C-alpha atoms as a PDB file:
ATOM      1  CA  MET A   1      21.542 -27.133  16.137  1.00  0.00           C
ATOM      2  CA  ALA A   2      22.855 -23.828  14.327  1.00  0.00           C
ATOM      3  CA  ILE A   3      20.603 -23.415  10.753  1.00  0.00           C
ATOM      4  CA  LEU A   4      17.186 -25.198  10.535  1.00  0.00           C
ATOM      5  CA  HIS A   5      16.112 -25.546   7.017  1.00  0.00           C
ATOM      6  CA  LYS A   6      14.451 -28.713   7.295  1.00  0.00           C
ATOM      7  CA  PHE A   7      10.649 -28.163   6.909  1.00  0.00           C
ATOM      8  CA  ASN A   8       9.313 -30.233  10.203  1.00  0.00           C
ATOM      9  CA  GLU A   9      12.117 -28.504  11.909  1.00  0.00           C
ATOM     10  CA  VAL A  10      11.241 -25.201  11.032  1.00  0.00           C
ATOM     11  CA  LYS A  11       7.291 -25.942  11.996  1.00  0.00           C
ATOM     12  CA  ASP A  12       8.727 -27.520  15.389  1.00  0.00           C
ATOM     13  CA  GLU A  13      10.498 -24.420  16.006  1.00  0.00           C
ATOM     14  CA  TYR A  14       7.294 -22.342  15.621  1.00  0.00           C
ATOM     15  CA  LYS A  15       5.070 -24.378  17.529  1.00  0.00           C
ATOM     16  CA  LYS A  16       7.411 -24.260  20.447  1.00  0.00           C
ATOM     17  CA  ALA A  17       7.702 -20.305  20.240  1.00  0.00           C
ATOM     18  CA  ALA A  18       4.238 -20.702  20.193  1.00  0.00           C
ATOM     19  CA  SER A  19       3.785 -22.593  23.329  1.00  0.00           C
ATOM     20  CA  ARG A  20       5.651 -19.970  25.170  1.00  0.00           C
ATOM     21  CA  GLY A  21       3.665 -17.429  23.718  1.00  0.00           C
ATOM     22  CA  TRP A  22       6.705 -15.517  21.432  1.00  0.00           C
ATOM     23  CA  VAL A  23       6.484 -14.279  17.784  1.00  0.00           C
ATOM     24  CA  ILE A  24       9.329 -14.849  16.226  1.00  0.00           C
ATOM     25  CA  PRO A  25      11.292 -11.937  14.894  1.00  0.00           C
ATOM     26  CA  CYS A  26      12.558 -11.866  11.348  1.00  0.00           C
ATOM     27  CA  PHE A  27      15.725  -9.276  10.757  1.00  0.00           C
ATOM     28  CA  CYS A  28      16.599  -8.411   7.678  1.00  0.00           C
ATOM     29  CA  SER A  29      20.239  -7.958   6.115  1.00  0.00           C
ATOM     30  CA  GLU A  30      22.171  -6.878   3.122  1.00  0.00           C
ATOM     31  CA  ASN A  31      25.793  -6.703   4.246  1.00  0.00           C
ATOM     32  CA  LEU A  32      27.836  -8.815   6.846  1.00  0.00           C
ATOM     33  CA  THR A  33      28.012  -6.154   9.481  1.00  0.00           C
ATOM     34  CA  THR A  34      24.031  -6.044   9.774  1.00  0.00           C
ATOM     35  CA  THR A  35      23.937 -10.304   9.606  1.00  0.00           C
ATOM     36  CA  GLU A  36      26.625 -10.392  12.687  1.00  0.00           C
ATOM     37  CA  ALA A  37      25.167  -8.104  14.903  1.00  0.00           C
ATOM     38  CA  ILE A  38      21.852  -9.847  14.679  1.00  0.00           C
ATOM     39  CA  LEU A  39      23.367 -12.910  15.759  1.00  0.00           C
ATOM     40  CA  CYS A  40      25.353 -11.284  18.535  1.00  0.00           C
ATOM     41  CA  ALA A  41      22.025  -9.460  20.042  1.00  0.00           C
ATOM     42  CA  THR A  42      20.549 -12.699  19.661  1.00  0.00           C
ATOM     43  CA  LYS A  43      23.568 -14.597  21.258  1.00  0.00           C
ATOM     44  CA  GLU A  44      23.702 -11.851  24.021  1.00  0.00           C
ATOM     45  CA  TYR A  45      20.043 -11.736  24.754  1.00  0.00           C
ATOM     46  CA  ALA A  46      20.295 -15.650  24.902  1.00  0.00           C
ATOM     47  CA  ASP A  47      22.641 -15.532  27.774  1.00  0.00           C
ATOM     48  CA  GLU A  48      20.650 -13.389  29.590  1.00  0.00           C
ATOM     49  CA  ILE A  49      17.740 -14.913  29.708  1.00  0.00           C
ATOM     50  CA  GLY A  50      19.361 -18.608  30.025  1.00  0.00           C
ATOM     51  CA  VAL A  51      17.672 -19.830  27.056  1.00  0.00           C
ATOM     52  CA  LYS A  52      20.840 -20.935  24.602  1.00  0.00           C
ATOM     53  CA  ASP A  53      19.036 -22.123  21.781  1.00  0.00           C
ATOM     54  CA  LEU A  54      16.957 -19.092  21.307  1.00  0.00           C
ATOM     55  CA  PRO A  55      15.371 -18.865  17.290  1.00  0.00           C
ATOM     56  CA  VAL A  56      16.257 -16.139  15.623  1.00  0.00           C
ATOM     57  CA  THR A  57      15.489 -15.306  11.722  1.00  0.00           C
ATOM     58  CA  ILE A  58      18.064 -13.555   9.486  1.00  0.00           C
ATOM     59  CA  ALA A  59      16.532 -12.307   5.939  1.00  0.00           C
ATOM     60  CA  ILE A  60      17.342 -11.185   2.456  1.00  0.00           C
ATOM     61  CA  THR A  61      14.847  -9.777  -0.332  1.00  0.00           C
ATOM     62  CA  VAL A  62      16.646 -10.904  -4.192  1.00  0.00           C
ATOM     63  CA  LYS A  63      14.884  -8.788  -7.106  1.00  0.00           C
ATOM     64  CA  TYR A  64      12.237  -7.020  -5.156  1.00  0.00           C
ATOM     65  CA  ASP A  65      12.384  -3.630  -6.515  1.00  0.00           C
ATOM     66  CA  HIS A  66      11.935  -1.741  -3.738  1.00  0.00           C
ATOM     67  CA  ARG A  67      14.808  -3.136  -2.055  1.00  0.00           C
ATOM     68  CA  SER A  68      16.898  -5.850  -3.867  1.00  0.00           C
ATOM     69  CA  GLN A  69      19.407  -6.718  -0.325  1.00  0.00           C
ATOM     70  CA  ALA A  70      20.851  -9.500  -2.521  1.00  0.00           C
ATOM     71  CA  GLY A  71      22.043  -7.127  -4.804  1.00  0.00           C
ATOM     72  CA  TYR A  72      23.452  -4.474  -2.008  1.00  0.00           C
ATOM     73  CA  TYR A  73      25.030  -7.284  -0.589  1.00  0.00           C
ATOM     74  CA  THR A  74      28.260  -6.724  -2.939  1.00  0.00           C
ATOM     75  CA  HIS A  75      29.304  -4.094  -5.139  1.00  0.00           C
ATOM     76  CA  THR A  76      28.842  -6.458  -7.738  1.00  0.00           C
ATOM     77  CA  ARG A  77      25.449  -5.728  -7.640  1.00  0.00           C
ATOM     78  CA  ARG A  78      24.409  -9.157  -9.096  1.00  0.00           C
ATOM     79  CA  TRP A  79      22.032 -10.914  -6.836  1.00  0.00           C
ATOM     80  CA  ASP A  80      23.009 -14.373  -7.182  1.00  0.00           C
ATOM     81  CA  THR A  81      26.601 -13.254  -6.184  1.00  0.00           C
ATOM     82  CA  GLY A  82      24.977 -11.277  -2.841  1.00  0.00           C
ATOM     83  CA  LEU A  83      22.596 -14.367  -2.479  1.00  0.00           C
ATOM     84  CA  LYS A  84      25.225 -16.751  -2.226  1.00  0.00           C
ATOM     85  CA  LEU A  85      27.746 -14.724   0.279  1.00  0.00           C
ATOM     86  CA  PHE A  86      24.886 -14.031   2.641  1.00  0.00           C
ATOM     87  CA  THR A  87      24.410 -17.399   2.744  1.00  0.00           C
ATOM     88  CA  SER A  88      27.617 -18.436   3.450  1.00  0.00           C
ATOM     89  CA  ASP A  89      28.326 -15.692   6.027  1.00  0.00           C
ATOM     90  CA  VAL A  90      25.430 -16.883   7.774  1.00  0.00           C
ATOM     91  CA  SER A  91      26.108 -20.618   7.744  1.00  0.00           C
ATOM     92  CA  ILE A  92      29.776 -19.994   8.888  1.00  0.00           C
ATOM     93  CA  LEU A  93      29.192 -17.653  11.446  1.00  0.00           C
ATOM     94  CA  ALA A  94      26.204 -20.342  12.887  1.00  0.00           C
ATOM     95  CA  GLU A  95      27.389 -23.635  12.338  1.00  0.00           C
ATOM     96  CA  ASP A  96      31.403 -22.752  12.494  1.00  0.00           C
ATOM     97  CA  ASP A  97      31.656 -20.303  15.008  1.00  0.00           C
ATOM     98  CA  GLU A  98      31.524 -21.800  18.204  1.00  0.00           C
ATOM     99  CA  THR A  99      30.059 -18.192  19.591  1.00  0.00           C
ATOM    100  CA  PHE A 100      26.501 -18.847  17.893  1.00  0.00           C
ATOM    101  CA  LYS A 101      26.303 -22.767  17.417  1.00  0.00           C
ATOM    102  CA  ASP A 102      23.592 -23.281  19.865  1.00  0.00           C
ATOM    103  CA  LEU A 103      21.404 -20.397  18.143  1.00  0.00           C
ATOM    104  CA  HIS A 104      18.306 -21.691  16.131  1.00  0.00           C
ATOM    105  CA  VAL A 105      18.862 -19.674  13.227  1.00  0.00           C
ATOM    106  CA  MET A 106      16.107 -19.612   9.985  1.00  0.00           C
ATOM    107  CA  LEU A 107      17.132 -18.101   6.476  1.00  0.00           C
ATOM    108  CA  HIS A 108      14.211 -16.603   5.339  1.00  0.00           C
ATOM    109  CA  LEU A 109      13.878 -15.298   1.407  1.00  0.00           C
ATOM    110  CA  ASP A 110      11.932 -12.123   1.734  1.00  0.00           C
ATOM    111  CA  HIS A 111       9.545 -10.774  -0.740  1.00  0.00           C
ATOM    112  CA  VAL A 112      10.732 -13.151  -3.602  1.00  0.00           C
ATOM    113  CA  GLN A 113       8.628 -12.230  -7.010  1.00  0.00           C
ATOM    114  CA  HIS A 114       6.660 -14.465  -8.856  1.00  0.00           C
ATOM    115  CA  ASP A 115       7.558 -12.793 -12.026  1.00  0.00           C
ATOM    116  CA  VAL A 116      11.107 -11.010 -11.809  1.00  0.00           C
ATOM    117  CA  ASP A 117      12.740 -13.788  -9.475  1.00  0.00           C
ATOM    118  CA  LYS A 118      11.619 -16.934 -11.437  1.00  0.00           C
ATOM    119  CA  GLU A 119      15.579 -17.774 -11.786  1.00  0.00           C
ATOM    120  CA  LEU A 120      15.772 -17.930  -8.232  1.00  0.00           C
ATOM    121  CA  LEU A 121      12.600 -20.147  -8.024  1.00  0.00           C
ATOM    122  CA  GLU A 122      14.426 -22.706 -10.010  1.00  0.00           C
ATOM    123  CA  TRP A 123      17.399 -22.807  -7.526  1.00  0.00           C
ATOM    124  CA  ASP A 124      17.842 -25.404  -5.167  1.00  0.00           C
ATOM    125  CA  LEU A 125      15.713 -23.815  -2.009  1.00  0.00           C
ATOM    126  CA  SER A 126      16.480 -26.417   0.770  1.00  0.00           C
ATOM    127  CA  PRO A 127      19.283 -24.074   2.502  1.00  0.00           C
ATOM    128  CA  TYR A 128      16.787 -21.629   3.338  1.00  0.00           C
ATOM    129  CA  SER A 129      14.307 -22.041   6.093  1.00  0.00           C
ATOM    130  CA  SER A 130      11.241 -19.856   4.800  1.00  0.00           C
ATOM    131  CA  ILE A 131      10.043 -18.299   1.463  1.00  0.00           C
ATOM    132  CA  MET A 132       7.666 -15.231   1.057  1.00  0.00           C
ATOM    133  CA  TYR A 133       6.195 -15.827  -2.211  1.00  0.00           C
ATOM    134  CA  ASP A 134       5.057 -12.289  -3.231  1.00  0.00           C
ATOM    135  CA  ALA A 135       2.203 -12.090  -5.951  1.00  0.00           C
ATOM    136  CA  SER A 136       0.739  -9.039  -4.049  1.00  0.00           C
ATOM    137  CA  THR A 137       1.377  -6.832  -7.051  1.00  0.00           C
ATOM    138  CA  LEU A 138      -1.279  -9.022  -8.590  1.00  0.00           C
ATOM    139  CA  PRO A 139      -5.335  -8.851  -8.548  1.00  0.00           C
ATOM    140  CA  PHE A 140      -6.809 -11.008  -5.625  1.00  0.00           C
ATOM    141  CA  GLU A 141      -7.722 -13.869  -7.914  1.00  0.00           C
ATOM    142  CA  LYS A 142      -4.426 -14.211 -10.018  1.00  0.00           C
ATOM    143  CA  ASN A 143      -2.530 -13.839  -6.488  1.00  0.00           C
ATOM    144  CA  ILE A 144      -4.394 -17.233  -5.709  1.00  0.00           C
ATOM    145  CA  GLU A 145      -4.023 -18.789  -8.637  1.00  0.00           C
ATOM    146  CA  LYS A 146      -0.123 -17.879  -8.800  1.00  0.00           C
ATOM    147  CA  THR A 147       0.702 -18.346  -5.104  1.00  0.00           C
ATOM    148  CA  ARG A 148      -1.234 -22.058  -5.347  1.00  0.00           C
ATOM    149  CA  ALA A 149       0.578 -23.105  -7.878  1.00  0.00           C
ATOM    150  CA  PHE A 150       3.712 -22.323  -6.006  1.00  0.00           C
ATOM    151  CA  VAL A 151       2.376 -24.479  -3.012  1.00  0.00           C
ATOM    152  CA  GLN A 152       1.475 -27.336  -4.678  1.00  0.00           C
ATOM    153  CA  LYS A 153       5.023 -27.656  -6.051  1.00  0.00           C
ATOM    154  CA  MET A 154       6.825 -26.624  -3.035  1.00  0.00           C
ATOM    155  CA  LYS A 155       4.513 -27.572   0.167  1.00  0.00           C
ATOM    156  CA  GLY A 156       6.341 -29.573   2.877  1.00  0.00           C
ATOM    157  CA  LYS A 157       9.835 -28.532   1.054  1.00  0.00           C
ATOM    158  CA  ILE A 158       9.722 -25.218   2.591  1.00  0.00           C
ATOM    159  CA  LEU A 159       7.741 -22.747   5.102  1.00  0.00           C
ATOM    160  CA  ILE A 160       5.547 -20.788   2.742  1.00  0.00           C
ATOM    161  CA  GLU A 161       4.077 -17.531   3.338  1.00  0.00           C
ATOM    162  CA  GLY A 162       2.542 -15.369   1.282  1.00  0.00           C
ATOM    163  CA  ALA A 163       1.118 -11.594   0.875  1.00  0.00           C
ATOM    164  CA  CYS A 164      -3.009 -11.988   0.860  1.00  0.00           C
ATOM    165  CA  ASP A 165      -3.748  -8.594  -0.605  1.00  0.00           C
ATOM    166  CA  GLU A 166      -2.723  -6.538  -3.666  1.00  0.00           C
ATOM    167  CA  ILE A 167       0.032  -3.946  -2.766  1.00  0.00           C
ATOM    168  CA  PHE A 168      -0.174  -1.124  -5.125  1.00  0.00           C
ATOM    169  CA  ASP A 169       2.466   0.729  -3.490  1.00  0.00           C
ATOM    170  CA  ALA A 170       4.948  -0.552  -1.057  1.00  0.00           C
ATOM    171  CA  THR A 171       6.850   3.005  -0.436  1.00  0.00           C
ATOM    172  CA  GLY A 172       4.654   4.305   2.360  1.00  0.00           C
ATOM    173  CA  LEU A 173       3.536   6.912   0.273  1.00  0.00           C
ATOM    174  CA  SER A 174      -0.019   6.149   0.159  1.00  0.00           C
ATOM    175  CA  HIS A 175      -1.785   3.576   2.199  1.00  0.00           C
ATOM    176  CA  ASN A 176      -3.247   0.050   1.243  1.00  0.00           C
ATOM    177  CA  ALA A 177      -6.386  -0.987   2.471  1.00  0.00           C
ATOM    178  CA  ILE A 178      -6.460  -3.379   5.723  1.00  0.00           C
ATOM    179  CA  THR A 179      -6.619  -6.699   5.035  1.00  0.00           C
ATOM    180  CA  THR A 180     -10.167  -8.563   5.772  1.00  0.00           C
ATOM    181  CA  PRO A 181     -10.809 -11.443   7.993  1.00  0.00           C
ATOM    182  CA  GLU A 182     -12.998 -12.631   4.894  1.00  0.00           C
ATOM    183  CA  ASN A 183      -9.886 -12.259   2.247  1.00  0.00           C
ATOM    184  CA  ALA A 184      -7.437 -13.702   4.653  1.00  0.00           C
ATOM    185  CA  LYS A 185      -9.744 -17.176   5.226  1.00  0.00           C
ATOM    186  CA  ARG A 186      -9.974 -17.216   1.644  1.00  0.00           C
ATOM    187  CA  TYR A 187      -6.480 -16.814   0.392  1.00  0.00           C
ATOM    188  CA  PHE A 188      -5.235 -19.134   3.661  1.00  0.00           C
ATOM    189  CA  LYS A 189      -7.730 -21.906   2.602  1.00  0.00           C
ATOM    190  CA  GLU A 190      -7.425 -21.661  -1.053  1.00  0.00           C
ATOM    191  CA  THR A 191      -3.700 -20.808  -1.671  1.00  0.00           C
ATOM    192  CA  GLY A 192      -2.396 -23.823   1.007  1.00  0.00           C
ATOM    193  CA  VAL A 193       0.244 -21.597   2.495  1.00  0.00           C
ATOM    194  CA  ASP A 194       1.523 -21.879   5.908  1.00  0.00           C
ATOM    195  CA  LEU A 195       1.296 -18.094   6.857  1.00  0.00           C
ATOM    196  CA  ILE A 196       0.015 -15.257   5.427  1.00  0.00           C
ATOM    197  CA  VAL A 197       1.455 -11.641   5.303  1.00  0.00           C
ATOM    198  CA  ALA A 198      -1.605  -8.882   6.439  1.00  0.00           C
ATOM    199  CA  ASN A 199      -1.643  -5.522   5.777  1.00  0.00           C
ATOM    200  CA  LEU A 200      -2.516  -4.425   9.234  1.00  0.00           C
ATOM    201  CA  GLY A 201      -1.801  -0.644   9.077  1.00  0.00           C
ATOM    202  CA  THR A 202       1.867  -0.897   9.228  1.00  0.00           C
ATOM    203  CA  GLU A 203       4.078   0.374   5.806  1.00  0.00           C
ATOM    204  CA  HIS A 204       6.989  -0.994   3.826  1.00  0.00           C
ATOM    205  CA  ARG A 205       9.799   1.796   4.555  1.00  0.00           C
ATOM    206  CA  ALA A 206       7.806   4.524   5.903  1.00  0.00           C
ATOM    207  CA  SER A 207      10.457   7.260   7.099  1.00  0.00           C
ATOM    208  CA  GLY A 208       8.301   8.443  10.215  1.00  0.00           C
ATOM    209  CA  LYS A 209       6.748   6.619  13.202  1.00  0.00           C
ATOM    210  CA  ASP A 210       3.197   7.797  12.514  1.00  0.00           C
ATOM    211  CA  LEU A 211       0.918   5.116  11.577  1.00  0.00           C
ATOM    212  CA  LYS A 212      -1.286   2.549  13.293  1.00  0.00           C
ATOM    213  CA  TYR A 213      -1.131  -1.067  13.978  1.00  0.00           C
ATOM    214  CA  TYR A 214      -4.686  -2.368  13.941  1.00  0.00           C
ATOM    215  CA  SER A 215      -4.766  -4.901  16.711  1.00  0.00           C
ATOM    216  CA  GLU A 216      -8.750  -5.606  16.371  1.00  0.00           C
ATOM    217  CA  SER A 217      -7.943  -6.344  12.957  1.00  0.00           C
ATOM    218  CA  SER A 218      -5.494  -9.118  13.434  1.00  0.00           C
ATOM    219  CA  ILE A 219      -7.272 -10.526  16.140  1.00  0.00           C
ATOM    220  CA  ALA A 220     -10.451 -10.573  13.565  1.00  0.00           C
ATOM    221  CA  ILE A 221      -8.505 -12.573  11.410  1.00  0.00           C
ATOM    222  CA  LYS A 222      -6.935 -14.923  13.892  1.00  0.00           C
ATOM    223  CA  ASN A 223     -10.556 -15.801  14.505  1.00  0.00           C
ATOM    224  CA  GLU A 224     -10.791 -17.023  10.970  1.00  0.00           C
ATOM    225  CA  ILE A 225      -7.519 -18.873  10.310  1.00  0.00           C
ATOM    226  CA  GLY A 226      -5.300 -19.168  13.725  1.00  0.00           C
ATOM    227  CA  SER A 227      -2.153 -17.699  14.548  1.00  0.00           C
ATOM    228  CA  ASN A 228      -0.474 -17.561  11.183  1.00  0.00           C
ATOM    229  CA  ILE A 229      -0.415 -14.280  10.509  1.00  0.00           C
ATOM    230  CA  VAL A 230       3.247 -12.234   9.689  1.00  0.00           C
ATOM    231  CA  LEU A 231       3.606  -8.734   9.818  1.00  0.00           C
ATOM    232  CA  HIS A 232       5.709  -6.476   8.172  1.00  0.00           C
ATOM    233  CA  GLY A 233       6.434  -2.767   7.943  1.00  0.00           C
ATOM    234  CA  THR A 234       6.987  -2.960  11.856  1.00  0.00           C
ATOM    235  CA  SER A 235       9.573  -0.074  11.451  1.00  0.00           C
ATOM    236  CA  SER A 236       6.932   2.598  11.074  1.00  0.00           C
ATOM    237  CA  VAL A 237       4.916   2.231  14.195  1.00  0.00           C
ATOM    238  CA  PRO A 238       6.426   2.784  17.814  1.00  0.00           C
ATOM    239  CA  ASN A 239       7.563  -0.130  19.883  1.00  0.00           C
ATOM    240  CA  SER A 240       4.997   0.189  21.926  1.00  0.00           C
ATOM    241  CA  GLN A 241       2.110  -0.640  19.479  1.00  0.00           C
ATOM    242  CA  VAL A 242       3.858  -4.340  18.669  1.00  0.00           C
ATOM    243  CA  ALA A 243       4.658  -5.357  22.068  1.00  0.00           C
ATOM    244  CA  ASN A 244       2.100  -8.159  22.515  1.00  0.00           C
ATOM    245  CA  LEU A 245       1.187  -9.465  19.051  1.00  0.00           C
ATOM    246  CA  TYR A 246       1.574 -12.978  20.175  1.00  0.00           C
ATOM    247  CA  SER A 247      -2.107 -12.732  21.454  1.00  0.00           C
ATOM    248  CA  ASP A 248      -3.355 -10.872  18.268  1.00  0.00           C
ATOM    249  CA  GLY A 249      -2.338 -14.207  15.956  1.00  0.00           C
ATOM    250  CA  ILE A 250       0.975 -13.528  14.419  1.00  0.00           C
ATOM    251  CA  CYS A 251       3.775 -15.274  14.542  1.00  0.00           C
ATOM    252  CA  LYS A 252       6.327 -13.752  12.864  1.00  0.00           C
ATOM    253  CA  VAL A 253       7.484 -10.188  12.654  1.00  0.00           C
ATOM    254  CA  ASN A 254      10.073  -8.565   9.777  1.00  0.00           C
ATOM    255  CA  ILE A 255      12.198  -5.746  10.656  1.00  0.00           C
ATOM    256  CA  TRP A 256      15.001  -3.977   8.471  1.00  0.00           C
ATOM    257  CA  THR A 257      14.324  -0.315   8.065  1.00  0.00           C
ATOM    258  CA  ALA A 258      14.688   0.524  12.282  1.00  0.00           C
ATOM    259  CA  LEU A 259      18.174  -1.128  12.080  1.00  0.00           C
ATOM    260  CA  GLU A 260      19.327   1.220   9.343  1.00  0.00           C
ATOM    261  CA  ARG A 261      17.576   4.269  10.199  1.00  0.00           C
ATOM    262  CA  ASP A 262      18.093   4.244  13.634  1.00  0.00           C
ATOM    263  CA  SER A 263      21.635   3.381  13.659  1.00  0.00           C
ATOM    264  CA  SER A 264      22.107   6.336  10.860  1.00  0.00           C
ATOM    265  CA  PRO A 265      21.797   9.077  13.143  1.00  0.00           C
ATOM    266  CA  VAL A 266      24.621   7.744  15.542  1.00  0.00           C
ATOM    267  CA  LEU A 267      27.324   7.384  12.925  1.00  0.00           C
ATOM    268  CA  LEU A 268      26.733  10.515  11.857  1.00  0.00           C
ATOM    269  CA  GLU A 269      26.954  12.238  15.278  1.00  0.00           C
ATOM    270  CA  GLU A 270      30.273  10.289  16.160  1.00  0.00           C
ATOM    271  CA  ILE A 271      31.901  11.248  12.924  1.00  0.00           C
ATOM    272  CA  ILE A 272      30.641  15.158  13.420  1.00  0.00           C
ATOM    273  CA  LYS A 273      32.178  14.840  16.995  1.00  0.00           C
ATOM    274  CA  ASN A 274      35.558  13.605  15.451  1.00  0.00           C
ATOM    275  CA  ALA A 275      35.527  15.462  12.239  1.00  0.00           C
ATOM    276  CA  VAL A 276      38.993  16.181  12.393  1.00  0.00           C
ATOM    277  CA  ASN A 277      39.996  12.536  13.396  1.00  0.00           C
ATOM    278  CA  VAL A 278      38.176  10.961  10.617  1.00  0.00           C
ATOM    279  CA  GLY A 279      39.024  13.426   7.839  1.00  0.00           C
ATOM    280  CA  GLY A 280      41.489  15.427   8.113  1.00  0.00           C
ATOM    281  CA  GLY A 281      42.113  18.910   9.114  1.00  0.00           C
ATOM    282  CA  GLU A 282      42.022  20.372   5.318  1.00  0.00           C
ATOM    283  CA  ILE A 283      38.542  18.791   4.941  1.00  0.00           C
ATOM    284  CA  VAL A 284      36.988  20.184   8.456  1.00  0.00           C
ATOM    285  CA  LYS A 285      38.512  23.518   6.982  1.00  0.00           C
ATOM    286  CA  LYS A 286      36.280  23.280   3.920  1.00  0.00           C
ATOM    287  CA  LEU A 287      33.498  22.153   5.228  1.00  0.00           C
ATOM    288  CA  GLN A 288      33.423  24.972   7.915  1.00  0.00           C
ATOM    289  CA  LEU A 289      34.243  27.425   4.983  1.00  0.00           C
ATOM    290  CA  GLU A 290      31.095  26.388   3.305  1.00  0.00           C
ATOM    291  CA  GLY A 291      28.863  26.559   6.443  1.00  0.00           C
ATOM    292  CA  TYR A 292      28.811  22.609   7.131  1.00  0.00           C
ATOM    293  CA  LEU A 293      30.578  22.707  10.308  1.00  0.00           C
ATOM    294  CA  PRO A 294      30.739  25.428  12.641  1.00  0.00           C
ATOM    295  CA  SER A 295      33.754  27.424  13.046  1.00  0.00           C
ATOM    296  CA  GLU A 296      35.588  27.453  16.628  1.00  0.00           C
ATOM    297  CA  LYS A 297      34.683  31.485  16.312  1.00  0.00           C
ATOM    298  CA  SER A 298      30.979  30.749  15.832  1.00  0.00           C
ATOM    299  CA  LEU A 299      30.973  29.057  19.174  1.00  0.00           C
ATOM    300  CA  SER A 300      30.755  30.000  23.030  1.00  0.00           C
ATOM    301  CA  GLY A 301      31.039  28.464  26.252  1.00  0.00           C
ATOM    302  CA  SER A 302      30.298  24.541  26.590  1.00  0.00           C
ATOM    303  CA  ASN A 303      29.752  24.374  22.788  1.00  0.00           C
ATOM    304  CA  ALA A 304      33.400  25.673  22.639  1.00  0.00           C
ATOM    305  CA  GLU A 305      34.793  22.622  24.727  1.00  0.00           C
ATOM    306  CA  ASN A 306      32.858  19.975  22.703  1.00  0.00           C
ATOM    307  CA  MET A 307      34.176  20.890  19.474  1.00  0.00           C
ATOM    308  CA  VAL A 308      37.767  20.341  20.399  1.00  0.00           C
ATOM    309  CA  ASN A 309      37.905  17.851  18.343  1.00  0.00           C
ATOM    310  CA  LEU A 310      37.592  20.108  15.632  1.00  0.00           C
ATOM    311  CA  ASN A 311      40.660  21.587  15.785  1.00  0.00           C
ATOM    312  CA  THR A 312      41.732  21.866  12.363  1.00  0.00           C
ATOM    313  CA  SER A 313      45.618  21.901  12.897  1.00  0.00           C
ATOM    314  CA  LYS A 314      45.288  17.890  13.571  1.00  0.00           C
ATOM    315  CA  SER A 315      45.531  15.324  11.242  1.00  0.00           C
ATOM    316  CA  ALA A 316      43.144  12.571  10.590  1.00  0.00           C
ATOM    317  CA  SER A 317      43.534   9.213  12.753  1.00  0.00           C
ATOM    318  CA  LEU A 318      43.945   5.474  11.744  1.00  0.00           C
ATOM    319  CA  SER A 319      41.876   4.926  14.469  1.00  0.00           C
ATOM    320  CA  HIS A 320      39.119   6.817  13.283  1.00  0.00           C
ATOM    321  CA  PHE A 321      39.370   6.908   8.939  1.00  0.00           C
ATOM    322  CA  THR A 322      39.035   3.091   8.568  1.00  0.00           C
ATOM    323  CA  THR A 323      36.304   1.174   7.726  1.00  0.00           C
ATOM    324  CA  VAL A 324      36.507  -0.630  11.090  1.00  0.00           C
ATOM    325  CA  TYR A 325      35.705   2.427  12.837  1.00  0.00           C
ATOM    326  CA  ARG A 326      32.759   3.582  10.935  1.00  0.00           C
ATOM    327  CA  GLN A 327      31.365  -0.526  10.699  1.00  0.00           C
ATOM    328  CA  ASP A 328      32.064  -0.599  15.088  1.00  0.00           C
ATOM    329  CA  ILE A 329      29.663   2.270  15.492  1.00  0.00           C
ATOM    330  CA  ILE A 330      26.904   0.427  13.192  1.00  0.00           C
ATOM    331  CA  PHE A 331      27.057  -2.594  14.570  1.00  0.00           C
ATOM    332  CA  ASN A 332      26.761  -1.647  17.972  1.00  0.00           C
ATOM    333  CA  GLU A 333      23.954   0.858  17.365  1.00  0.00           C
ATOM    334  CA  MET A 334      22.119  -2.483  15.726  1.00  0.00           C
ATOM    335  CA  LYS A 335      22.769  -4.463  18.196  1.00  0.00           C
ATOM    336  CA  LYS A 336      20.891  -2.496  20.959  1.00  0.00           C
ATOM    337  CA  ILE A 337      18.107  -2.161  17.997  1.00  0.00           C
ATOM    338  CA  VAL A 338      17.377  -5.901  17.605  1.00  0.00           C
ATOM    339  CA  LYS A 339      17.815  -6.341  21.512  1.00  0.00           C
ATOM    340  CA  ALA A 340      15.588  -4.313  22.200  1.00  0.00           C
ATOM    341  CA  TYR A 341      12.766  -6.698  19.869  1.00  0.00           C
ATOM    342  CA  LEU A 342      14.289  -9.438  21.174  1.00  0.00           C
ATOM    343  CA  LYS A 343      13.321  -8.322  25.009  1.00  0.00           C
ATOM    344  CA  MET A 344       9.854  -7.367  23.588  1.00  0.00           C
ATOM    345  CA  TRP A 345       8.880 -10.751  22.179  1.00  0.00           C
ATOM    346  CA  TYR A 346      10.821 -13.240  23.813  1.00  0.00           C
ATOM    347  CA  ARG A 347       9.805 -12.422  27.497  1.00  0.00           C
ATOM    348  CA  ILE A 348      10.758 -15.386  30.053  1.00  0.00           C
END
């Protein structure tokens, strides 16, 4: 089946997930390593639970000013080039690689802005499974008006989700108001979107897991619009808070920050432990003199034994200083993170 992009196919996938009590995870990516980690983790978990057609959504933002992932996908920093590369990468892997051909992969355009993404909105969107039309920077009335116009143009062609509330700060530094059931109901009815992104206490890209997911607010919205809620900002709360989302009315969850944030320390640790192999003895000596790395004289006992790789007489090693070495660390850690989410939301 590979990539699902026809509207009815995507709707059917959500109905099938709902019948199992599953929340469909949507993992954002801004490079090939992340894209492959998502697919590989999904395939491994599919094999573990014996569901070969396991669904997964891979997403990318375009000109979203808080994080233009399409721009980061290529060092040209051209969003259009990056989006084409991302789309091509997933298509080749999901449709041409025998490893992933049984998965039900969906491509999502995330946080497509009503203004700066106007050029994209004139593209042929048929390769994509869903789109988040984001007019949340506007006051509520204008948001409804803009979103309704887009839905009237694209209804039935692509699954559409909209952001219900005005987001005045998406950095996590200040907290936006929780979506009310009344606003959710009105927005859902008057815009005609398929799904709504509700603010339920989580925040985009918050650096610490110190926020709270408001389950009771989600249930109150579910009572008004059904299980048509999308949760963003999942990385900002512990997994334990978001383990049972479908019963709250949530059918789709977006994740990105956790993939990058939680794999980065692993890369740092591995590079420090293999500092000479990665950079060579001279750079290690320099970092020791500058106080960034400990010298062997400053260590004792087991600490000294654990720092044998800082022997500055060694030269850098091909097996460690290559991009492959660094990417493999990130890739394997991201797979673990993705599988942890899949295990939470795809229970047999």
